[in-house]
Amino acid sequence: MAAGKEQKQAPERLLTQEQEALLALYLQKLDSYFEELKASDAIQVEIETQHLKKILHT
């Protein structure tokens, strides 16, 4: 019975507060990077579309 109690007393947190803060900052930076990447892709598509329109209309 004592062994069962010891197994249930696992730590509630896997990361320290400092690690959680670093992870949150990392995820925020990663989200920002992906947003910028999506925006640059959209701009690239727009540039290519305008270029193709120009080729087709000349």
Protein backbone atom coordinates (compact mmCIF):
# COMPACT_ATOMS: atom_id res chain seq x y z
CA MET A 1 0.00 0.00 0.00
CA ALA A 2 2.89 2.38 0.72
CA ALA A 3 4.31 1.83 -2.75
CA GLY A 4 1.00 2.93 -4.28
CA LYS A 5 1.05 6.21 -2.37
CA GLU A 6 4.61 6.94 -3.47
CA GLN A 7 3.66 6.48 -7.13
CA LYS A 8 0.71 8.89 -6.79
CA GLN A 9 2.95 11.62 -5.35
CA ALA A 10 4.45 12.52 -8.71
CA PRO A 11 5.47 16.14 -9.19
CA GLU A 12 2.57 18.33 -10.32
CA ARG A 13 4.77 20.44 -12.59
CA LEU A 14 7.15 19.23 -15.22
CA LEU A 15 8.84 22.60 -15.73
CA THR A 16 10.05 25.27 -13.35
CA GLN A 17 8.53 28.73 -13.57
CA GLU A 18 11.63 29.98 -15.36
CA GLN A 19 11.40 27.16 -17.91
CA GLU A 20 7.70 27.86 -18.43
CA ALA A 21 8.46 31.53 -19.03
CA LEU A 22 11.17 30.64 -21.55
CA LEU A 23 8.84 28.20 -23.28
CA ALA A 24 6.10 30.84 -23.48
CA LEU A 25 8.56 33.34 -24.96
CA TYR A 26 9.81 30.75 -27.45
CA LEU A 27 6.26 29.91 -28.54
CA GLN A 28 5.44 33.61 -28.90
CA LYS A 29 8.51 34.12 -31.10
CA LEU A 30 7.64 31.02 -33.12
CA ASP A 31 4.08 32.26 -33.67
CA SER A 32 5.43 35.62 -34.76
CA TYR A 33 7.84 33.95 -37.17
CA PHE A 34 5.07 31.87 -38.76
CA GLU A 35 2.81 34.92 -39.09
CA GLU A 36 5.61 36.78 -40.88
CA LEU A 37 6.21 33.75 -43.09
CA LYS A 38 2.54 33.58 -44.05
CA ALA A 39 2.53 37.31 -44.81
CA SER A 40 5.62 37.01 -46.99
CA ASP A 41 4.06 34.09 -48.85
CA ALA A 42 0.95 36.16 -49.50
CA ILE A 43 3.06 39.03 -50.81
CA GLN A 44 5.01 36.66 -53.05
CA VAL A 45 1.78 35.23 -54.48
CA GLU A 46 0.51 38.75 -55.14
CA ILE A 47 3.75 39.72 -56.91
CA GLU A 48 3.65 36.60 -59.07
CA THR A 49 -0.03 37.15 -59.88
CA GLN A 50 0.59 40.73 -60.96
CA HIS A 51 3.56 39.62 -63.04
CA LEU A 52 1.50 36.94 -64.80
CA LYS A 53 -1.34 39.41 -65.43
CA LYS A 54 1.16 41.81 -66.97
CA ILE A 55 2.55 39.07 -69.24
CA LEU A 56 -0.92 37.96 -70.34
CA HIS A 57 -2.15 41.49 -71.11
CA THR A 58 0.78 42.52 -73.29
